[in-house]
PDB file of N, CA and C in Angstrom:
ATOM      1  N   MET A   1     121.580 -64.448  24.902  1.00  0.00           N
ATOM      2  CA  MET A   1     120.618 -65.017  23.723  1.00  0.00           C
ATOM      3  C   MET A   1     119.480 -65.453  23.994  1.00  0.00           C
ATOM      4  N   SER A   2     119.193 -66.557  25.261  1.00  0.00           N
ATOM      5  CA  SER A   2     118.561 -67.126  25.673  1.00  0.00           C
ATOM      6  C   SER A   2     117.355 -65.914  26.507  1.00  0.00           C
ATOM      7  N   TYR A   3     117.858 -64.815  26.892  1.00  0.00           N
ATOM      8  CA  TYR A   3     116.963 -63.805  27.445  1.00  0.00           C
ATOM      9  C   TYR A   3     116.228 -63.416  25.994  1.00  0.00           C
ATOM     10  N   TYR A   4     116.666 -62.878  25.196  1.00  0.00           N
ATOM     11  CA  TYR A   4     116.150 -62.468  23.966  1.00  0.00           C
ATOM     12  C   TYR A   4     115.033 -63.423  23.501  1.00  0.00           C
ATOM     13  N   LEU A   5     115.264 -64.597  23.535  1.00  0.00           N
ATOM     14  CA  LEU A   5     114.452 -65.896  23.090  1.00  0.00           C
ATOM     15  C   LEU A   5     113.216 -65.839  23.781  1.00  0.00           C
ATOM     16  N   LEU A   6     113.349 -65.748  25.571  1.00  0.00           N
ATOM     17  CA  LEU A   6     112.567 -65.667  26.242  1.00  0.00           C
ATOM     18  C   LEU A   6     111.388 -64.583  26.368  1.00  0.00           C
ATOM     19  N   GLU A   7     112.452 -63.371  26.207  1.00  0.00           N
ATOM     20  CA  GLU A   7     111.225 -62.141  25.820  1.00  0.00           C
ATOM     21  C   GLU A   7     110.274 -62.174  24.872  1.00  0.00           C
ATOM     22  N   ALA A   8     111.088 -62.540  23.442  1.00  0.00           N
ATOM     23  CA  ALA A   8     110.338 -62.816  22.082  1.00  0.00           C
ATOM     24  C   ALA A   8     109.096 -63.840  22.347  1.00  0.00           C
ATOM     25  N   ALA A   9     109.266 -65.103  23.085  1.00  0.00           N
ATOM     26  CA  ALA A   9     108.017 -65.901  23.336  1.00  0.00           C
ATOM     27  C   ALA A   9     106.977 -65.010  24.233  1.00  0.00           C
ATOM     28  N   HIS A  10     107.729 -64.463  25.376  1.00  0.00           N
ATOM     29  CA  HIS A  10     106.743 -64.017  25.913  1.00  0.00           C
ATOM     30  C   HIS A  10     105.976 -62.507  25.104  1.00  0.00           C
ATOM     31  N   LYS A  11     106.591 -61.858  24.529  1.00  0.00           N
ATOM     32  CA  LYS A  11     105.579 -61.311  23.678  1.00  0.00           C
ATOM     33  C   LYS A  11     104.608 -61.653  22.634  1.00  0.00           C
ATOM     34  N   GLY A  12     105.220 -62.696  22.090  1.00  0.00           N
ATOM     35  CA  GLY A  12     104.585 -63.621  20.814  1.00  0.00           C
ATOM     36  C   GLY A  12     103.286 -64.288  21.635  1.00  0.00           C
ATOM     37  N   SER A  13     103.294 -64.898  23.057  1.00  0.00           N
ATOM     38  CA  SER A  13     102.266 -65.476  23.783  1.00  0.00           C
ATOM     39  C   SER A  13     101.106 -64.605  23.788  1.00  0.00           C
ATOM     40  N   PHE A  14     101.537 -63.381  24.313  1.00  0.00           N
ATOM     41  CA  PHE A  14     100.791 -62.024  24.743  1.00  0.00           C
ATOM     42  C   PHE A  14      99.877 -61.809  23.571  1.00  0.00           C
ATOM     43  N   LEU A  15     100.749 -61.353  22.509  1.00  0.00           N
ATOM     44  CA  LEU A  15     100.174 -61.200  21.191  1.00  0.00           C
ATOM     45  C   LEU A  15      99.252 -62.078  20.601  1.00  0.00           C
ATOM     46  N   LEU A  16      99.499 -63.470  20.859  1.00  0.00           N
ATOM     47  CA  LEU A  16      98.302 -64.407  20.699  1.00  0.00           C
ATOM     48  C   LEU A  16      96.992 -64.395  21.675  1.00  0.00           C
ATOM     49  N   THR A  17      97.491 -64.301  22.950  1.00  0.00           N
ATOM     50  CA  THR A  17      96.298 -64.198  23.952  1.00  0.00           C
ATOM     51  C   THR A  17      95.286 -62.793  23.648  1.00  0.00           C
ATOM     52  N   ILE A  18      96.035 -61.598  22.934  1.00  0.00           N
ATOM     53  CA  ILE A  18      94.888 -60.310  22.384  1.00  0.00           C
ATOM     54  C   ILE A  18      94.275 -61.168  21.325  1.00  0.00           C
ATOM     55  N   ASN A  19      95.194 -61.395  20.228  1.00  0.00           N
ATOM     56  CA  ASN A  19      94.287 -62.260  19.292  1.00  0.00           C
ATOM     57  C   ASN A  19      93.008 -62.879  19.678  1.00  0.00           C
ATOM     58  N   TYR A  20      93.339 -63.908  20.688  1.00  0.00           N
ATOM     59  CA  TYR A  20      92.153 -64.766  20.800  1.00  0.00           C
ATOM     60  C   TYR A  20      90.918 -63.782  21.068  1.00  0.00           C
ATOM     61  N   LEU A  21      91.310 -63.185  22.348  1.00  0.00           N
ATOM     62  CA  LEU A  21      90.212 -62.676  23.008  1.00  0.00           C
ATOM     63  C   LEU A  21      89.360 -61.768  21.971  1.00  0.00           C
ATOM     64  N   GLY A  22      90.272 -61.182  21.077  1.00  0.00           N
ATOM     65  CA  GLY A  22      89.602 -60.551  20.069  1.00  0.00           C
ATOM     66  C   GLY A  22      88.919 -60.838  19.242  1.00  0.00           C
ATOM     67  N   ILE A  23      89.229 -62.355  18.795  1.00  0.00           N
ATOM     68  CA  ILE A  23      88.381 -63.236  18.177  1.00  0.00           C
ATOM     69  C   ILE A  23      87.091 -63.415  19.023  1.00  0.00           C
ATOM     70  N   LYS A  24      86.876 -64.024  19.785  1.00  0.00           N
ATOM     71  CA  LYS A  24      86.242 -64.373  20.916  1.00  0.00           C
ATOM     72  C   LYS A  24      85.343 -62.970  21.230  1.00  0.00           C
ATOM     73  N   LEU A  25      85.707 -61.812  21.061  1.00  0.00           N
ATOM     74  CA  LEU A  25      84.711 -60.619  21.503  1.00  0.00           C
ATOM     75  C   LEU A  25      83.750 -60.552  19.878  1.00  0.00           C
ATOM     76  N   PHE A  26      84.694 -60.508  18.716  1.00  0.00           N
ATOM     77  CA  PHE A  26      84.030 -60.392  17.642  1.00  0.00           C
ATOM     78  C   PHE A  26      83.148 -62.010  17.448  1.00  0.00           C
ATOM     79  N   LEU A  27      83.018 -62.912  17.471  1.00  0.00           N
ATOM     80  CA  LEU A  27      82.230 -64.234  17.642  1.00  0.00           C
ATOM     81  C   LEU A  27      80.804 -63.810  18.300  1.00  0.00           C
ATOM     82  N   VAL A  28      81.436 -63.491  19.695  1.00  0.00           N
ATOM     83  CA  VAL A  28      79.961 -63.250  20.562  1.00  0.00           C
ATOM     84  C   VAL A  28      79.326 -62.006  19.850  1.00  0.00           C
ATOM     85  N   LYS A  29      80.210 -61.081  19.760  1.00  0.00           N
ATOM     86  CA  LYS A  29      78.911 -59.479  18.738  1.00  0.00           C
ATOM     87  C   LYS A  29      78.527 -60.592  17.885  1.00  0.00           C
ATOM     88  N   LYS A  30      78.707 -60.872  16.907  1.00  0.00           N
ATOM     89  CA  LYS A  30      78.229 -61.499  15.745  1.00  0.00           C
ATOM     90  C   LYS A  30      77.293 -62.454  15.999  1.00  0.00           C
ATOM     91  N   TYR A  31      77.790 -63.125  17.183  1.00  0.00           N
ATOM     92  CA  TYR A  31      76.228 -64.577  17.231  1.00  0.00           C
ATOM     93  C   TYR A  31      75.166 -63.624  18.215  1.00  0.00           C
ATOM     94  N   TRP A  32      75.870 -62.612  18.871  1.00  0.00           N
ATOM     95  CA  TRP A  32      74.538 -61.737  19.714  1.00  0.00           C
ATOM     96  C   TRP A  32      73.500 -61.120  18.728  1.00  0.00           C
ATOM     97  N   LYS A  33      74.207 -60.478  17.751  1.00  0.00           N
ATOM     98  CA  LYS A  33      73.018 -60.160  16.482  1.00  0.00           C
ATOM     99  C   LYS A  33      72.438 -60.944  15.835  1.00  0.00           C
ATOM    100  N   ILE A  34      72.860 -62.084  15.793  1.00  0.00           N
ATOM    101  CA  ILE A  34      71.754 -63.436  15.260  1.00  0.00           C
ATOM    102  C   ILE A  34      71.120 -63.712  16.080  1.00  0.00           C
ATOM    103  N   PHE A  35      71.243 -63.516  17.454  1.00  0.00           N
ATOM    104  CA  PHE A  35      70.461 -64.508  18.425  1.00  0.00           C
ATOM    105  C   PHE A  35      69.320 -63.175  18.872  1.00  0.00           C
ATOM    106  N   VAL A  36      69.661 -61.906  18.979  1.00  0.00           N
ATOM    107  CA  VAL A  36      69.007 -60.629  18.901  1.00  0.00           C
ATOM    108  C   VAL A  36      67.462 -60.925  17.875  1.00  0.00           C
ATOM    109  N   LEU A  37      68.094 -60.822  16.529  1.00  0.00           N
ATOM    110  CA  LEU A  37      67.569 -61.102  15.415  1.00  0.00           C
ATOM    111  C   LEU A  37      66.410 -62.167  15.377  1.00  0.00           C
ATOM    112  N   TYR A  38      66.814 -63.196  15.672  1.00  0.00           N
ATOM    113  CA  TYR A  38      65.916 -64.449  16.009  1.00  0.00           C
ATOM    114  C   TYR A  38      65.233 -64.481  17.076  1.00  0.00           C
ATOM    115  N   ARG A  39      65.205 -63.972  18.053  1.00  0.00           N
ATOM    116  CA  ARG A  39      64.103 -63.510  18.973  1.00  0.00           C
ATOM    117  C   ARG A  39      63.086 -62.652  18.648  1.00  0.00           C
ATOM    118  N   LYS A  40      63.235 -61.927  17.494  1.00  0.00           N
ATOM    119  CA  LYS A  40      61.800 -60.855  17.342  1.00  0.00           C
ATOM    120  C   LYS A  40      60.969 -61.869  16.691  1.00  0.00           C
TER     121      LYS A  40
END
């Protein structure tokens, strides 16, 4: 049972990491567009 919990926790943290990276990429793209617009 504990093995399944450990596996689930590992998968959960992996998904959280992917979501976190995705949000960071999204924000970087968004702010990069704003930055490029304001430079002109």
